[in-house]
PDB file of N, CA and C in Angstrom:
ATOM      1  N   MET A   1      80.814 104.283  21.454  1.00  0.00           N
ATOM      2  CA  MET A   1      80.002 105.465  21.655  1.00  0.00           C
ATOM      3  C   MET A   1      80.841 106.469  22.446  1.00  0.00           C
ATOM      4  N   LYS A   2      80.946 107.662  21.913  1.00  0.00           N
ATOM      5  CA  LYS A   2      81.727 108.705  22.575  1.00  0.00           C
ATOM      6  C   LYS A   2      80.898 109.331  23.700  1.00  0.00           C
ATOM      7  N   SER A   3      81.569 109.722  24.758  1.00  0.00           N
ATOM      8  CA  SER A   3      80.920 110.354  25.902  1.00  0.00           C
ATOM      9  C   SER A   3      81.253 111.849  25.900  1.00  0.00           C
ATOM     10  N   TRP A   4      80.231 112.680  26.052  1.00  0.00           N
ATOM     11  CA  TRP A   4      80.381 114.137  26.056  1.00  0.00           C
ATOM     12  C   TRP A   4      79.921 114.691  27.398  1.00  0.00           C
ATOM     13  N   PRO A   5      80.781 115.418  28.122  1.00  0.00           N
ATOM     14  CA  PRO A   5      80.285 116.135  29.308  1.00  0.00           C
ATOM     15  C   PRO A   5      79.253 117.176  28.863  1.00  0.00           C
ATOM     16  N   VAL A   6      78.281 117.451  29.684  1.00  0.00           N
ATOM     17  CA  VAL A   6      77.189 118.345  29.294  1.00  0.00           C
ATOM     18  C   VAL A   6      77.698 119.723  28.882  1.00  0.00           C
ATOM     19  N   GLN A   7      78.758 120.209  29.530  1.00  0.00           N
ATOM     20  CA  GLN A   7      79.294 121.521  29.167  1.00  0.00           C
ATOM     21  C   GLN A   7      79.822 121.513  27.730  1.00  0.00           C
ATOM     22  N   ASP A   8      80.543 120.439  27.357  1.00  0.00           N
ATOM     23  CA  ASP A   8      81.052 120.318  25.988  1.00  0.00           C
ATOM     24  C   ASP A   8      79.910 120.133  24.995  1.00  0.00           C
ATOM     25  N   ALA A   9      78.915 119.343  25.375  1.00  0.00           N
ATOM     26  CA  ALA A   9      77.770 119.105  24.485  1.00  0.00           C
ATOM     27  C   ALA A   9      77.038 120.413  24.186  1.00  0.00           C
ATOM     28  N   LYS A  10      76.895 121.260  25.194  1.00  0.00           N
ATOM     29  CA  LYS A  10      76.234 122.550  24.994  1.00  0.00           C
ATOM     30  C   LYS A  10      77.089 123.489  24.158  1.00  0.00           C
ATOM     31  N   ALA A  11      78.373 123.541  24.455  1.00  0.00           N
ATOM     32  CA  ALA A  11      79.259 124.473  23.768  1.00  0.00           C
ATOM     33  C   ALA A  11      79.525 124.060  22.322  1.00  0.00           C
ATOM     34  N   ARG A  12      79.537 122.746  22.061  1.00  0.00           N
ATOM     35  CA  ARG A  12      79.864 122.247  20.719  1.00  0.00           C
ATOM     36  C   ARG A  12      78.725 121.400  20.168  1.00  0.00           C
ATOM     37  N   PHE A  13      77.508 121.918  20.265  1.00  0.00           N
ATOM     38  CA  PHE A  13      76.322 121.146  19.870  1.00  0.00           C
ATOM     39  C   PHE A  13      76.358 120.742  18.399  1.00  0.00           C
ATOM     40  N   SER A  14      76.799 121.625  17.521  1.00  0.00           N
ATOM     41  CA  SER A  14      76.886 121.292  16.093  1.00  0.00           C
ATOM     42  C   SER A  14      77.827 120.116  15.870  1.00  0.00           C
ATOM     43  N   GLU A  15      78.931 120.097  16.591  1.00  0.00           N
ATOM     44  CA  GLU A  15      79.886 118.992  16.478  1.00  0.00           C
ATOM     45  C   GLU A  15      79.274 117.696  17.024  1.00  0.00           C
ATOM     46  N   LEU A  16      78.522 117.812  18.104  1.00  0.00           N
ATOM     47  CA  LEU A  16      77.819 116.655  18.675  1.00  0.00           C
ATOM     48  C   LEU A  16      76.839 116.080  17.658  1.00  0.00           C
ATOM     49  N   LEU A  17      76.064 116.941  17.001  1.00  0.00           N
ATOM     50  CA  LEU A  17      75.117 116.478  15.979  1.00  0.00           C
ATOM     51  C   LEU A  17      75.837 115.812  14.813  1.00  0.00           C
ATOM     52  N   ALA A  18      76.941 116.401  14.375  1.00  0.00           N
ATOM     53  CA  ALA A  18      77.706 115.831  13.264  1.00  0.00           C
ATOM     54  C   ALA A  18      78.267 114.461  13.647  1.00  0.00           C
ATOM     55  N   ALA A  19      78.777 114.331  14.876  1.00  0.00           N
ATOM     56  CA  ALA A  19      79.300 113.046  15.340  1.00  0.00           C
ATOM     57  C   ALA A  19      78.194 112.002  15.418  1.00  0.00           C
ATOM     58  N   CYS A  20      77.031 112.421  15.842  1.00  0.00           N
ATOM     59  CA  CYS A  20      75.888 111.513  15.932  1.00  0.00           C
ATOM     60  C   CYS A  20      75.509 111.001  14.540  1.00  0.00           C
ATOM     61  N   ALA A  21      75.452 111.908  13.575  1.00  0.00           N
ATOM     62  CA  ALA A  21      75.084 111.521  12.213  1.00  0.00           C
ATOM     63  C   ALA A  21      76.143 110.617  11.585  1.00  0.00           C
ATOM     64  N   ALA A  22      77.410 110.865  11.870  1.00  0.00           N
ATOM     65  CA  ALA A  22      78.490 110.105  11.245  1.00  0.00           C
ATOM     66  C   ALA A  22      78.842 108.810  11.982  1.00  0.00           C
ATOM     67  N   GLN A  23      78.822 108.850  13.319  1.00  0.00           N
ATOM     68  CA  GLN A  23      79.319 107.721  14.108  1.00  0.00           C
ATOM     69  C   GLN A  23      78.237 106.968  14.863  1.00  0.00           C
ATOM     70  N   GLY A  24      77.021 107.501  14.930  1.00  0.00           N
ATOM     71  CA  GLY A  24      75.966 106.833  15.677  1.00  0.00           C
ATOM     72  C   GLY A  24      75.714 107.496  17.019  1.00  0.00           C
ATOM     73  N   PRO A  25      75.089 106.788  17.931  1.00  0.00           N
ATOM     74  CA  PRO A  25      74.699 107.356  19.224  1.00  0.00           C
ATOM     75  C   PRO A  25      75.857 107.978  19.995  1.00  0.00           C
ATOM     76  N   GLN A  26      75.552 109.088  20.698  1.00  0.00           N
ATOM     77  CA  GLN A  26      76.536 109.812  21.499  1.00  0.00           C
ATOM     78  C   GLN A  26      75.986 109.975  22.921  1.00  0.00           C
ATOM     79  N   MET A  27      76.797 109.630  23.913  1.00  0.00           N
ATOM     80  CA  MET A  27      76.395 109.712  25.320  1.00  0.00           C
ATOM     81  C   MET A  27      76.702 111.103  25.872  1.00  0.00           C
ATOM     82  N   VAL A  28      75.768 111.658  26.648  1.00  0.00           N
ATOM     83  CA  VAL A  28      75.975 112.933  27.329  1.00  0.00           C
ATOM     84  C   VAL A  28      75.978 112.642  28.828  1.00  0.00           C
ATOM     85  N   THR A  29      77.022 113.128  29.505  1.00  0.00           N
ATOM     86  CA  THR A  29      77.144 112.895  30.947  1.00  0.00           C
ATOM     87  C   THR A  29      77.015 114.211  31.707  1.00  0.00           C
ATOM     88  N   LYS A  30      76.503 114.095  32.918  1.00  0.00           N
ATOM     89  CA  LYS A  30      76.386 115.255  33.808  1.00  0.00           C
ATOM     90  C   LYS A  30      77.055 114.862  35.117  1.00  0.00           C
ATOM     91  N   ARG A  31      78.134 115.565  35.446  1.00  0.00           N
ATOM     92  CA  ARG A  31      78.931 115.266  36.643  1.00  0.00           C
ATOM     93  C   ARG A  31      79.406 113.812  36.650  1.00  0.00           C
ATOM     94  N   GLY A  32      79.765 113.308  35.457  1.00  0.00           N
ATOM     95  CA  GLY A  32      80.284 111.951  35.338  1.00  0.00           C
ATOM     96  C   GLY A  32      79.242 110.853  35.275  1.00  0.00           C
ATOM     97  N   VAL A  33      77.959 111.204  35.382  1.00  0.00           N
ATOM     98  CA  VAL A  33      76.884 110.216  35.353  1.00  0.00           C
ATOM     99  C   VAL A  33      76.224 110.238  33.976  1.00  0.00           C
ATOM    100  N   GLU A  34      76.076 109.053  33.355  1.00  0.00           N
ATOM    101  CA  GLU A  34      75.408 108.972  32.060  1.00  0.00           C
ATOM    102  C   GLU A  34      73.977 109.482  32.202  1.00  0.00           C
ATOM    103  N   THR A  35      73.640 110.519  31.432  1.00  0.00           N
ATOM    104  CA  THR A  35      72.354 111.185  31.590  1.00  0.00           C
ATOM    105  C   THR A  35      71.451 111.041  30.373  1.00  0.00           C
ATOM    106  N   ALA A  36      72.028 111.155  29.177  1.00  0.00           N
ATOM    107  CA  ALA A  36      71.214 111.118  27.963  1.00  0.00           C
ATOM    108  C   ALA A  36      72.037 110.552  26.812  1.00  0.00           C
ATOM    109  N   VAL A  37      71.324 110.108  25.784  1.00  0.00           N
ATOM    110  CA  VAL A  37      71.965 109.608  24.581  1.00  0.00           C
ATOM    111  C   VAL A  37      71.332 110.304  23.390  1.00  0.00           C
ATOM    112  N   LEU A  38      72.158 110.834  22.516  1.00  0.00           N
ATOM    113  CA  LEU A  38      71.679 111.439  21.274  1.00  0.00           C
ATOM    114  C   LEU A  38      71.836 110.387  20.182  1.00  0.00           C
ATOM    115  N   VAL A  39      70.730 110.017  19.536  1.00  0.00           N
ATOM    116  CA  VAL A  39      70.762 109.001  18.478  1.00  0.00           C
ATOM    117  C   VAL A  39      70.269 109.619  17.176  1.00  0.00           C
ATOM    118  N   PRO A  40      70.725 109.106  16.038  1.00  0.00           N
ATOM    119  CA  PRO A  40      70.220 109.598  14.763  1.00  0.00           C
ATOM    120  C   PRO A  40      68.709 109.357  14.656  1.00  0.00           C
ATOM    121  N   ALA A  41      68.015 110.249  13.959  1.00  0.00           N
ATOM    122  CA  ALA A  41      66.553 110.167  13.856  1.00  0.00           C
ATOM    123  C   ALA A  41      66.098 108.858  13.227  1.00  0.00           C
ATOM    124  N   ALA A  42      66.791 108.376  12.216  1.00  0.00           N
ATOM    125  CA  ALA A  42      66.395 107.128  11.556  1.00  0.00           C
ATOM    126  C   ALA A  42      66.437 105.956  12.534  1.00  0.00           C
ATOM    127  N   GLU A  43      67.461 105.920  13.373  1.00  0.00           N
ATOM    128  CA  GLU A  43      67.566 104.843  14.364  1.00  0.00           C
ATOM    129  C   GLU A  43      66.466 104.967  15.416  1.00  0.00           C
ATOM    130  N   TRP A  44      66.174 106.191  15.829  1.00  0.00           N
ATOM    131  CA  TRP A  44      65.101 106.419  16.806  1.00  0.00           C
ATOM    132  C   TRP A  44      63.761 105.918  16.266  1.00  0.00           C
ATOM    133  N   HIS A  45      63.438 106.238  15.020  1.00  0.00           N
ATOM    134  CA  HIS A  45      62.169 105.785  14.423  1.00  0.00           C
ATOM    135  C   HIS A  45      62.125 104.265  14.324  1.00  0.00           C
ATOM    136  N   ARG A  46      63.238 103.654  13.968  1.00  0.00           N
ATOM    137  CA  ARG A  46      63.301 102.192  13.873  1.00  0.00           C
ATOM    138  C   ARG A  46      63.057 101.549  15.234  1.00  0.00           C
ATOM    139  N   ILE A  47      63.669 102.092  16.268  1.00  0.00           N
ATOM    140  CA  ILE A  47      63.485 101.563  17.627  1.00  0.00           C
ATOM    141  C   ILE A  47      62.043 101.728  18.074  1.00  0.00           C
ATOM    142  N   GLN A  48      61.445 102.884  17.806  1.00  0.00           N
ATOM    143  CA  GLN A  48      60.068 103.142  18.215  1.00  0.00           C
ATOM    144  C   GLN A  48      59.089 102.206  17.524  1.00  0.00           C
ATOM    145  N   GLN A  49      59.267 101.970  16.243  1.00  0.00           N
ATOM    146  CA  GLN A  49      58.353 101.095  15.509  1.00  0.00           C
ATOM    147  C   GLN A  49      58.482  99.654  15.972  1.00  0.00           C
ATOM    148  N   ARG A  50      59.683  99.251  16.313  1.00  0.00           N
ATOM    149  CA  ARG A  50      59.897  97.874  16.736  1.00  0.00           C
ATOM    150  C   ARG A  50      59.395  97.632  18.161  1.00  0.00           C
ATOM    151  N   SER A  51      59.410  98.648  19.000  1.00  0.00           N
ATOM    152  CA  SER A  51      59.073  98.447  20.407  1.00  0.00           C
ATOM    153  C   SER A  51      57.575  98.504  20.695  1.00  0.00           C
ATOM    154  N   ARG A  52      56.798  99.179  19.854  1.00  0.00           N
ATOM    155  CA  ARG A  52      55.363  99.300  20.111  1.00  0.00           C
ATOM    156  C   ARG A  52      54.561  98.553  19.056  1.00  0.00           C
ATOM    157  N   PRO A  53      53.696  97.640  19.479  1.00  0.00           N
ATOM    158  CA  PRO A  53      52.832  96.982  18.503  1.00  0.00           C
ATOM    159  C   PRO A  53      51.731  97.939  18.037  1.00  0.00           C
ATOM    160  N   THR A  54      51.230  97.704  16.846  1.00  0.00           N
ATOM    161  CA  THR A  54      50.137  98.523  16.340  1.00  0.00           C
ATOM    162  C   THR A  54      48.834  98.097  17.011  1.00  0.00           C
ATOM    163  N   LEU A  55      47.811  98.911  16.879  1.00  0.00           N
ATOM    164  CA  LEU A  55      46.504  98.578  17.445  1.00  0.00           C
ATOM    165  C   LEU A  55      45.989  97.283  16.832  1.00  0.00           C
ATOM    166  N   LYS A  56      46.176  97.120  15.550  1.00  0.00           N
ATOM    167  CA  LYS A  56      45.735  95.898  14.874  1.00  0.00           C
ATOM    168  C   LYS A  56      46.422  94.678  15.471  1.00  0.00           C
ATOM    169  N   GLN A  57      47.731  94.766  15.692  1.00  0.00           N
ATOM    170  CA  GLN A  57      48.465  93.652  16.280  1.00  0.00           C
ATOM    171  C   GLN A  57      47.982  93.342  17.686  1.00  0.00           C
ATOM    172  N   LEU A  58      47.679  94.384  18.462  1.00  0.00           N
ATOM    173  CA  LEU A  58      47.173  94.163  19.826  1.00  0.00           C
ATOM    174  C   LEU A  58      45.821  93.463  19.820  1.00  0.00           C
ATOM    175  N   LEU A  59      44.928  93.897  18.940  1.00  0.00           N
ATOM    176  CA  LEU A  59      43.584  93.310  18.900  1.00  0.00           C
ATOM    177  C   LEU A  59      43.588  91.881  18.378  1.00  0.00           C
ATOM    178  N   LEU A  60      44.514  91.553  17.492  1.00  0.00           N
ATOM    179  CA  LEU A  60      44.556  90.210  16.927  1.00  0.00           C
ATOM    180  C   LEU A  60      45.421  89.240  17.723  1.00  0.00           C
ATOM    181  N   SER A  61      46.129  89.732  18.728  1.00  0.00           N
ATOM    182  CA  SER A  61      47.028  88.859  19.484  1.00  0.00           C
ATOM    183  C   SER A  61      46.247  87.972  20.454  1.00  0.00           C
ATOM    184  N   ASP A  62      46.883  86.859  20.824  1.00  0.00           N
ATOM    185  CA  ASP A  62      46.290  85.927  21.788  1.00  0.00           C
ATOM    186  C   ASP A  62      46.623  86.298  23.218  1.00  0.00           C
ATOM    187  N   ARG A  63      47.474  87.294  23.399  1.00  0.00           N
ATOM    188  CA  ARG A  63      47.885  87.689  24.746  1.00  0.00           C
ATOM    189  C   ARG A  63      46.738  88.355  25.490  1.00  0.00           C
ATOM    190  N   GLU A  64      46.797  88.239  26.808  1.00  0.00           N
ATOM    191  CA  GLU A  64      45.806  88.919  27.638  1.00  0.00           C
ATOM    192  C   GLU A  64      45.978  90.418  27.486  1.00  0.00           C
ATOM    193  N   ARG A  65      44.896  91.143  27.544  1.00  0.00           N
ATOM    194  CA  ARG A  65      44.946  92.591  27.361  1.00  0.00           C
ATOM    195  C   ARG A  65      44.881  93.350  28.678  1.00  0.00           C
ATOM    196  N   GLY A  66      44.861  92.655  29.765  1.00  0.00           N
ATOM    197  CA  GLY A  66      44.804  93.325  31.053  1.00  0.00           C
ATOM    198  C   GLY A  66      44.771  92.313  32.167  1.00  0.00           C
ATOM    199  N   ASP A  67      44.594  92.795  33.367  1.00  0.00           N
ATOM    200  CA  ASP A  67      44.565  91.894  34.509  1.00  0.00           C
ATOM    201  C   ASP A  67      43.147  91.747  35.057  1.00  0.00           C
ATOM    202  N   LEU A  68      42.162  91.873  34.194  1.00  0.00           N
ATOM    203  CA  LEU A  68      40.778  91.720  34.624  1.00  0.00           C
ATOM    204  C   LEU A  68      40.457  90.251  34.839  1.00  0.00           C
ATOM    205  N   ALA A  69      39.884  89.948  35.971  1.00  0.00           N
ATOM    206  CA  ALA A  69      39.458  88.579  36.255  1.00  0.00           C
ATOM    207  C   ALA A  69      37.978  88.481  35.897  1.00  0.00           C
ATOM    208  N   ILE A  70      37.701  87.902  34.763  1.00  0.00           N
ATOM    209  CA  ILE A  70      36.320  87.783  34.306  1.00  0.00           C
ATOM    210  C   ILE A  70      35.836  86.388  34.685  1.00  0.00           C
ATOM    211  N   PRO A  71      34.814  86.310  35.541  1.00  0.00           N
ATOM    212  CA  PRO A  71      34.339  84.994  35.972  1.00  0.00           C
ATOM    213  C   PRO A  71      33.661  84.263  34.823  1.00  0.00           C
ATOM    214  N   ALA A  72      33.663  82.930  34.915  1.00  0.00           N
ATOM    215  CA  ALA A  72      32.994  82.122  33.900  1.00  0.00           C
ATOM    216  C   ALA A  72      31.493  82.397  33.942  1.00  0.00           C
ATOM    217  N   ARG A  73      30.872  82.281  32.814  1.00  0.00           N
ATOM    218  CA  ARG A  73      29.435  82.559  32.725  1.00  0.00           C
ATOM    219  C   ARG A  73      28.658  81.586  33.589  1.00  0.00           C
ATOM    220  N   GLY A  74      27.740  82.105  34.370  1.00  0.00           N
ATOM    221  CA  GLY A  74      26.903  81.285  35.234  1.00  0.00           C
ATOM    222  C   GLY A  74      27.546  80.939  36.566  1.00  0.00           C
ATOM    223  N   ALA A  75      28.728  81.392  36.811  1.00  0.00           N
ATOM    224  CA  ALA A  75      29.423  81.057  38.051  1.00  0.00           C
ATOM    225  C   ALA A  75      28.894  81.869  39.234  1.00  0.00           C
ATOM    226  N   ARG A  76      28.311  83.019  38.964  1.00  0.00           N
ATOM    227  CA  ARG A  76      27.793  83.847  40.056  1.00  0.00           C
ATOM    228  C   ARG A  76      26.360  83.454  40.363  1.00  0.00           C
ATOM    229  N   LYS A  77      26.023  83.523  41.621  1.00  0.00           N
ATOM    230  CA  LYS A  77      24.649  83.222  42.018  1.00  0.00           C
ATOM    231  C   LYS A  77      23.799  84.459  41.846  1.00  0.00           C
ATOM    232  N   ARG A  78      22.589  84.252  41.444  1.00  0.00           N
ATOM    233  CA  ARG A  78      21.679  85.378  41.255  1.00  0.00           C
ATOM    234  C   ARG A  78      21.024  85.737  42.583  1.00  0.00           C
ATOM    235  N   ARG A  79      20.707  86.990  42.710  1.00  0.00           N
ATOM    236  CA  ARG A  79      19.994  87.419  43.910  1.00  0.00           C
ATOM    237  C   ARG A  79      18.518  87.050  43.775  1.00  0.00           C
ATOM    238  N   VAL A  80      17.978  86.643  44.865  1.00  0.00           N
ATOM    239  CA  VAL A  80      16.566  86.293  44.877  1.00  0.00           C
ATOM    240  C   VAL A  80      15.796  87.493  45.411  1.00  0.00           C
ATOM    241  N   ALA A  81      14.746  87.883  44.685  1.00  0.00           N
ATOM    242  CA  ALA A  81      13.946  89.019  45.113  1.00  0.00           C
ATOM    243  C   ALA A  81      13.173  88.650  46.377  1.00  0.00           C
ATOM    244  N   LYS A  82      13.201  89.546  47.348  1.00  0.00           N
ATOM    245  CA  LYS A  82      12.504  89.314  48.607  1.00  0.00           C
ATOM    246  C   LYS A  82      11.080  89.800  48.478  1.00  0.00           C
ATOM    247  N   ALA A  83      10.167  89.078  49.048  1.00  0.00           N
ATOM    248  CA  ALA A  83       8.763  89.486  49.036  1.00  0.00           C
ATOM    249  C   ALA A  83       8.561  90.570  50.088  1.00  0.00           C
ATOM    250  N   LEU A  84       7.770  91.566  49.747  1.00  0.00           N
ATOM    251  CA  LEU A  84       7.507  92.645  50.685  1.00  0.00           C
ATOM    252  C   LEU A  84       6.399  92.341  51.607  1.00  0.00           C
TER     253      LEU A  84
END
């Protein structure tokens, strides 16, 4: 993956896009620190689809859906009504 200083990326954006399309992801640095990555759109869509489950998959999964502690039925004591 080629690294582009932000000044070069701004000045030669068309070249950056062409390199991304031909060679894959391109790193953009700001003051020597890796700041952003430009990836081809097809790869971005593939990553997004793989990383997020669909609603159907979430509802049909056996995994817990949250950190709610639901007590077992009948485990709580009922309040007794006080006579007036």
